[in-house]
N, C-alpha and C. Protein backbone atom coordinates (compact mmCIF):
# COMPACT_ATOMS: atom_id res chain seq x y z
N UNK A 1 0.85 -1.17 0.00
CA UNK A 1 0.00 0.00 0.00
C UNK A 1 0.89 1.24 0.00
N UNK A 2 0.50 2.21 -0.79
CA UNK A 2 1.21 3.48 -0.88
C UNK A 2 0.30 4.59 -0.36
N UNK A 3 0.84 5.49 0.44
CA UNK A 3 0.11 6.67 0.87
C UNK A 3 0.86 7.87 0.30
N UNK A 4 0.14 8.71 -0.42
CA UNK A 4 0.74 9.84 -1.13
C UNK A 4 -0.29 10.92 -1.35
N UNK A 5 0.15 12.11 -1.78
CA UNK A 5 -0.81 13.15 -2.13
C UNK A 5 -1.68 12.71 -3.32
N UNK A 6 -2.94 13.06 -3.27
CA UNK A 6 -3.86 12.72 -4.36
C UNK A 6 -3.51 13.52 -5.61
N UNK A 7 -3.83 12.95 -6.74
CA UNK A 7 -3.66 13.62 -8.04
C UNK A 7 -5.01 14.18 -8.48
N UNK A 8 -5.00 15.29 -9.22
CA UNK A 8 -6.28 15.88 -9.66
C UNK A 8 -7.21 14.89 -10.35
N UNK A 9 -6.68 13.99 -11.14
CA UNK A 9 -7.51 13.01 -11.84
C UNK A 9 -8.19 12.02 -10.89
N UNK A 10 -7.75 11.97 -9.63
CA UNK A 10 -8.32 11.04 -8.67
C UNK A 10 -9.49 11.63 -7.89
N UNK A 11 -9.88 12.86 -8.21
CA UNK A 11 -11.01 13.48 -7.50
C UNK A 11 -12.25 12.58 -7.49
N UNK A 12 -12.67 11.99 -8.60
CA UNK A 12 -13.87 11.13 -8.53
C UNK A 12 -13.69 9.95 -7.58
N UNK A 13 -12.50 9.35 -7.54
CA UNK A 13 -12.25 8.23 -6.63
C UNK A 13 -12.27 8.69 -5.18
N UNK A 14 -11.66 9.85 -4.91
CA UNK A 14 -11.65 10.40 -3.55
C UNK A 14 -13.08 10.68 -3.11
N UNK A 15 -13.87 11.32 -3.96
CA UNK A 15 -15.26 11.62 -3.62
C UNK A 15 -16.06 10.34 -3.43
N UNK A 16 -15.77 9.31 -4.19
CA UNK A 16 -16.46 8.03 -4.03
C UNK A 16 -16.20 7.42 -2.66
N UNK A 17 -14.96 7.51 -2.19
CA UNK A 17 -14.62 6.99 -0.86
C UNK A 17 -15.32 7.82 0.21
N UNK A 18 -15.26 9.15 0.09
CA UNK A 18 -15.89 10.02 1.09
C UNK A 18 -17.41 9.84 1.08
N UNK A 19 -18.00 9.78 -0.10
CA UNK A 19 -19.46 9.58 -0.20
C UNK A 19 -19.86 8.22 0.35
N UNK A 20 -19.04 7.20 0.10
CA UNK A 20 -19.32 5.85 0.59
C UNK A 20 -19.35 5.79 2.11
N UNK A 21 -18.63 6.72 2.76
CA UNK A 21 -18.62 6.78 4.22
C UNK A 21 -19.68 7.76 4.74
N UNK A 22 -20.52 8.24 3.83
CA UNK A 22 -21.60 9.17 4.17
C UNK A 22 -21.09 10.48 4.75
N UNK A 23 -19.93 10.93 4.28
CA UNK A 23 -19.39 12.20 4.72
C UNK A 23 -19.84 13.31 3.77
N UNK A 24 -20.24 14.42 4.33
CA UNK A 24 -20.66 15.57 3.53
C UNK A 24 -19.41 16.34 3.12
N UNK A 25 -18.96 16.13 1.91
CA UNK A 25 -17.77 16.81 1.40
C UNK A 25 -18.11 17.48 0.08
N UNK A 26 -17.72 18.72 -0.06
CA UNK A 26 -17.95 19.48 -1.27
C UNK A 26 -16.86 19.15 -2.29
N UNK A 27 -17.25 18.67 -3.46
CA UNK A 27 -16.29 18.25 -4.48
C UNK A 27 -15.37 19.39 -4.92
N UNK A 28 -15.90 20.59 -5.03
CA UNK A 28 -15.06 21.72 -5.44
C UNK A 28 -13.98 22.00 -4.39
N UNK A 29 -14.37 21.98 -3.14
CA UNK A 29 -13.40 22.22 -2.06
C UNK A 29 -12.35 21.10 -1.99
N UNK A 30 -12.80 19.86 -2.13
CA UNK A 30 -11.86 18.74 -2.13
C UNK A 30 -10.92 18.86 -3.32
N UNK A 31 -11.44 19.25 -4.46
CA UNK A 31 -10.60 19.46 -5.64
C UNK A 31 -9.54 20.53 -5.41
N UNK A 32 -9.92 21.61 -4.76
CA UNK A 32 -8.96 22.67 -4.43
C UNK A 32 -7.88 22.15 -3.49
N UNK A 33 -8.28 21.35 -2.53
CA UNK A 33 -7.30 20.81 -1.58
C UNK A 33 -6.38 19.79 -2.25
N UNK A 34 -6.90 19.06 -3.23
CA UNK A 34 -6.02 18.17 -4.00
C UNK A 34 -4.97 19.01 -4.72
N UNK A 35 -5.41 20.08 -5.35
CA UNK A 35 -4.48 20.98 -6.06
C UNK A 35 -3.42 21.53 -5.13
N UNK A 36 -3.78 21.79 -3.87
CA UNK A 36 -2.85 22.34 -2.88
C UNK A 36 -2.02 21.27 -2.18
N UNK A 37 -2.24 19.99 -2.53
CA UNK A 37 -1.49 18.91 -1.90
C UNK A 37 -1.97 18.56 -0.51
N UNK A 38 -3.24 18.90 -0.21
CA UNK A 38 -3.76 18.66 1.14
C UNK A 38 -4.76 17.51 1.20
N UNK A 39 -4.71 16.62 0.23
CA UNK A 39 -5.50 15.39 0.27
C UNK A 39 -4.53 14.23 0.08
N UNK A 40 -4.57 13.30 1.02
CA UNK A 40 -3.74 12.10 0.94
C UNK A 40 -4.62 10.93 0.55
N UNK A 41 -4.05 10.03 -0.23
CA UNK A 41 -4.77 8.81 -0.60
C UNK A 41 -3.91 7.60 -0.27
N UNK A 42 -4.56 6.53 0.09
CA UNK A 42 -3.93 5.22 0.25
C UNK A 42 -4.34 4.42 -0.97
N UNK A 43 -3.35 3.88 -1.68
CA UNK A 43 -3.65 3.17 -2.92
C UNK A 43 -2.95 1.81 -2.96
N UNK A 44 -3.54 0.91 -3.71
CA UNK A 44 -2.92 -0.35 -4.09
C UNK A 44 -3.18 -0.50 -5.58
N UNK A 45 -2.10 -0.63 -6.35
CA UNK A 45 -2.21 -0.77 -7.80
C UNK A 45 -3.13 0.30 -8.39
N UNK A 46 -2.92 1.55 -8.00
CA UNK A 46 -3.66 2.72 -8.48
C UNK A 46 -5.12 2.78 -8.04
N UNK A 47 -5.57 1.86 -7.22
CA UNK A 47 -6.95 1.90 -6.70
C UNK A 47 -6.95 2.64 -5.38
N UNK A 48 -7.79 3.67 -5.28
CA UNK A 48 -7.87 4.46 -4.05
C UNK A 48 -8.67 3.68 -3.02
N UNK A 49 -8.02 3.36 -1.90
CA UNK A 49 -8.65 2.60 -0.82
C UNK A 49 -9.16 3.50 0.29
N UNK A 50 -8.52 4.67 0.44
CA UNK A 50 -8.89 5.60 1.50
C UNK A 50 -8.39 6.98 1.16
N UNK A 51 -8.98 7.98 1.81
CA UNK A 51 -8.60 9.37 1.56
C UNK A 51 -8.67 10.16 2.86
N UNK A 52 -7.78 11.14 2.96
CA UNK A 52 -7.73 12.02 4.12
C UNK A 52 -7.60 13.45 3.61
N UNK A 53 -8.56 14.29 3.96
CA UNK A 53 -8.57 15.69 3.54
C UNK A 53 -8.11 16.54 4.71
N UNK A 54 -7.08 17.35 4.48
CA UNK A 54 -6.51 18.19 5.53
C UNK A 54 -6.88 19.65 5.33
N UNK A 55 -6.97 20.37 6.45
CA UNK A 55 -7.23 21.81 6.42
C UNK A 55 -6.54 22.43 7.63
N UNK A 56 -5.45 23.14 7.40
CA UNK A 56 -4.77 23.89 8.46
C UNK A 56 -4.47 23.05 9.69
N UNK A 57 -3.78 21.94 9.52
CA UNK A 57 -3.39 21.11 10.65
C UNK A 57 -4.50 20.26 11.23
N UNK A 58 -5.60 20.17 10.51
CA UNK A 58 -6.74 19.41 11.00
C UNK A 58 -7.23 18.45 9.92
N UNK A 59 -7.63 17.26 10.36
CA UNK A 59 -8.27 16.33 9.44
C UNK A 59 -9.70 16.80 9.26
N UNK A 60 -10.02 17.20 8.05
CA UNK A 60 -11.37 17.68 7.73
C UNK A 60 -12.29 16.50 7.41
N UNK A 61 -11.73 15.49 6.77
CA UNK A 61 -12.50 14.28 6.42
C UNK A 61 -11.52 13.14 6.21
N UNK A 62 -11.90 11.97 6.66
CA UNK A 62 -11.09 10.77 6.42
C UNK A 62 -12.05 9.60 6.26
N UNK A 63 -11.75 8.75 5.29
CA UNK A 63 -12.62 7.60 5.04
C UNK A 63 -11.82 6.50 4.36
N UNK A 64 -12.27 5.28 4.59
CA UNK A 64 -11.67 4.08 3.99
C UNK A 64 -12.80 3.27 3.39
N UNK A 65 -12.54 2.69 2.22
CA UNK A 65 -13.56 1.83 1.61
C UNK A 65 -13.98 0.75 2.61
N UNK A 66 -15.25 0.50 2.67
CA UNK A 66 -15.80 -0.46 3.64
C UNK A 66 -15.08 -1.81 3.56
N UNK A 67 -14.79 -2.29 2.38
CA UNK A 67 -14.15 -3.59 2.22
C UNK A 67 -12.71 -3.61 2.71
N UNK A 68 -12.11 -2.44 2.96
CA UNK A 68 -10.72 -2.37 3.41
C UNK A 68 -10.56 -1.89 4.85
N UNK A 69 -11.67 -1.69 5.55
CA UNK A 69 -11.58 -1.25 6.94
C UNK A 69 -11.00 -2.35 7.81
N UNK A 70 -10.29 -1.95 8.85
CA UNK A 70 -9.67 -2.90 9.76
C UNK A 70 -8.38 -3.50 9.23
N UNK A 71 -7.83 -2.93 8.15
CA UNK A 71 -6.62 -3.45 7.53
C UNK A 71 -5.45 -2.48 7.61
N UNK A 72 -5.58 -1.44 8.45
CA UNK A 72 -4.48 -0.50 8.64
C UNK A 72 -4.46 0.68 7.69
N UNK A 73 -5.44 0.78 6.81
CA UNK A 73 -5.47 1.88 5.84
C UNK A 73 -5.65 3.22 6.56
N UNK A 74 -6.62 3.29 7.46
CA UNK A 74 -6.87 4.53 8.19
C UNK A 74 -5.67 4.93 9.04
N UNK A 75 -5.04 3.96 9.67
CA UNK A 75 -3.86 4.23 10.48
C UNK A 75 -2.75 4.83 9.63
N UNK A 76 -2.51 4.26 8.48
CA UNK A 76 -1.47 4.79 7.58
C UNK A 76 -1.81 6.21 7.14
N UNK A 77 -3.08 6.47 6.84
CA UNK A 77 -3.47 7.82 6.43
C UNK A 77 -3.27 8.83 7.56
N UNK A 78 -3.69 8.48 8.77
CA UNK A 78 -3.53 9.40 9.90
C UNK A 78 -2.06 9.66 10.18
N UNK A 79 -1.23 8.62 10.14
CA UNK A 79 0.20 8.81 10.38
C UNK A 79 0.84 9.69 9.31
N UNK A 80 0.43 9.52 8.07
CA UNK A 80 0.94 10.36 6.99
C UNK A 80 0.47 11.80 7.17
N UNK A 81 -0.77 11.98 7.61
CA UNK A 81 -1.30 13.32 7.87
C UNK A 81 -0.51 13.99 8.98
N UNK A 82 -0.19 13.25 10.03
CA UNK A 82 0.59 13.81 11.14
C UNK A 82 1.97 14.25 10.66
N UNK A 83 2.55 13.50 9.73
CA UNK A 83 3.86 13.86 9.17
C UNK A 83 3.76 15.07 8.25
N UNK A 84 2.60 15.29 7.66
CA UNK A 84 2.43 16.35 6.67
C UNK A 84 2.15 17.72 7.27
N UNK A 85 1.77 17.77 8.53
CA UNK A 85 1.42 19.06 9.15
C UNK A 85 2.52 19.51 10.10
N UNK A 86 2.63 20.82 10.23
CA UNK A 86 3.54 21.40 11.21
C UNK A 86 2.78 21.51 12.52
N UNK A 87 3.33 20.96 13.58
CA UNK A 87 2.65 21.04 14.87
C UNK A 87 1.70 19.90 15.07
N UNK A 88 0.76 20.07 16.00
CA UNK A 88 -0.17 18.98 16.32
C UNK A 88 -1.18 18.73 15.21
N UNK A 89 -1.70 17.51 15.17
CA UNK A 89 -2.77 17.14 14.25
C UNK A 89 -4.06 17.10 15.06
N UNK A 90 -5.10 17.73 14.54
CA UNK A 90 -6.38 17.84 15.23
C UNK A 90 -7.46 17.18 14.38
N UNK A 91 -8.45 16.59 15.04
CA UNK A 91 -9.58 15.98 14.34
C UNK A 91 -10.81 16.00 15.24
N UNK A 92 -11.97 16.22 14.64
CA UNK A 92 -13.23 16.08 15.36
C UNK A 92 -13.90 14.83 14.82
N UNK A 93 -14.43 13.98 15.73
CA UNK A 93 -14.95 12.70 15.29
C UNK A 93 -16.10 12.22 16.16
N UNK A 94 -16.82 11.25 15.64
CA UNK A 94 -17.92 10.61 16.34
C UNK A 94 -17.35 9.77 17.49
N UNK A 95 -18.01 9.81 18.63
CA UNK A 95 -17.55 9.07 19.82
C UNK A 95 -17.33 7.58 19.54
N UNK A 96 -18.08 7.02 18.61
CA UNK A 96 -17.97 5.57 18.34
C UNK A 96 -16.60 5.17 17.82
N UNK A 97 -15.85 6.10 17.24
CA UNK A 97 -14.52 5.76 16.71
C UNK A 97 -13.39 6.19 17.64
N UNK A 98 -13.74 6.52 18.87
CA UNK A 98 -12.72 6.96 19.83
C UNK A 98 -11.60 5.92 20.01
N UNK A 99 -11.90 4.62 20.09
CA UNK A 99 -10.80 3.66 20.26
C UNK A 99 -9.74 3.76 19.15
N UNK A 100 -10.17 4.04 17.93
CA UNK A 100 -9.24 4.20 16.81
C UNK A 100 -8.29 5.35 17.07
N UNK A 101 -8.84 6.51 17.42
CA UNK A 101 -8.00 7.69 17.64
C UNK A 101 -7.18 7.56 18.92
N UNK A 102 -7.72 6.95 19.95
CA UNK A 102 -6.95 6.72 21.18
C UNK A 102 -5.71 5.87 20.87
N UNK A 103 -5.89 4.83 20.07
CA UNK A 103 -4.78 3.93 19.73
C UNK A 103 -3.69 4.64 18.94
N UNK A 104 -4.05 5.74 18.28
CA UNK A 104 -3.08 6.50 17.49
C UNK A 104 -2.47 7.66 18.27
N UNK A 105 -2.76 7.73 19.56
CA UNK A 105 -2.12 8.73 20.40
C UNK A 105 -2.82 10.06 20.51
N UNK A 106 -4.08 10.12 20.11
CA UNK A 106 -4.84 11.36 20.24
C UNK A 106 -5.37 11.49 21.68
N UNK A 107 -5.35 12.70 22.18
CA UNK A 107 -5.97 13.02 23.46
C UNK A 107 -7.30 13.69 23.12
N UNK A 108 -8.39 13.13 23.61
CA UNK A 108 -9.72 13.58 23.21
C UNK A 108 -10.39 14.41 24.30
N UNK A 109 -11.18 15.36 23.84
CA UNK A 109 -11.96 16.22 24.72
C UNK A 109 -13.37 16.33 24.16
N UNK A 110 -14.36 16.57 25.02
CA UNK A 110 -15.74 16.73 24.55
C UNK A 110 -15.89 18.00 23.69
N UNK A 111 -16.89 17.99 22.86
CA UNK A 111 -17.28 19.19 22.10
C UNK A 111 -18.66 19.62 22.59
N UNK A 112 -19.21 20.63 21.97
CA UNK A 112 -20.56 21.06 22.36
C UNK A 112 -21.61 20.03 21.93
N UNK A 113 -21.26 19.17 20.98
CA UNK A 113 -22.14 18.09 20.54
C UNK A 113 -21.81 16.85 21.37
N UNK A 114 -22.75 16.34 22.16
CA UNK A 114 -22.44 15.19 23.03
C UNK A 114 -22.07 13.91 22.27
N UNK A 115 -22.32 13.86 20.97
CA UNK A 115 -21.99 12.68 20.18
C UNK A 115 -20.59 12.74 19.57
N UNK A 116 -19.91 13.90 19.75
CA UNK A 116 -18.62 14.08 19.09
C UNK A 116 -17.52 14.44 20.08
N UNK A 117 -16.30 14.15 19.67
CA UNK A 117 -15.11 14.50 20.44
C UNK A 117 -14.14 15.23 19.53
N UNK A 118 -13.22 15.96 20.15
CA UNK A 118 -12.14 16.63 19.41
C UNK A 118 -10.85 16.06 19.93
N UNK A 119 -10.04 15.54 19.02
CA UNK A 119 -8.77 14.92 19.41
C UNK A 119 -7.59 15.73 18.93
N UNK A 120 -6.50 15.60 19.67
CA UNK A 120 -5.27 16.31 19.34
C UNK A 120 -4.11 15.35 19.53
N UNK A 121 -3.26 15.29 18.53
CA UNK A 121 -2.07 14.44 18.59
C UNK A 121 -0.84 15.32 18.40
N UNK A 122 0.01 15.31 19.40
CA UNK A 122 1.25 16.10 19.32
C UNK A 122 2.25 15.40 18.45
N UNK A 123 3.14 16.17 17.89
CA UNK A 123 4.21 15.59 17.05
C UNK A 123 5.16 14.76 17.85
């Protein structure tokens, strides 16, 4: 598996992964972030398995194809995102995925939404 910046031609694949995870992502904004090098993809043989959209040191959206979950794809994307940002990496997420972020070294705090947490991982 390779984790690298997404290419502009991969926008439909990135959007497919994000849409498949039921994430509300604007294709124009994701396309702009691809152009800026702020979208990472995990690929095998040119097939996009997962995507991570970054915005100012924060994970804005991250998703892995359902058939590839539990295989380390998300972990590789988060670790690559942490390497790509200066300073701490921040993410807001649903409480149900807290074990994933805890295992990756994030310290979580409540948000105003009782169903969500905000995590921070220091470099």
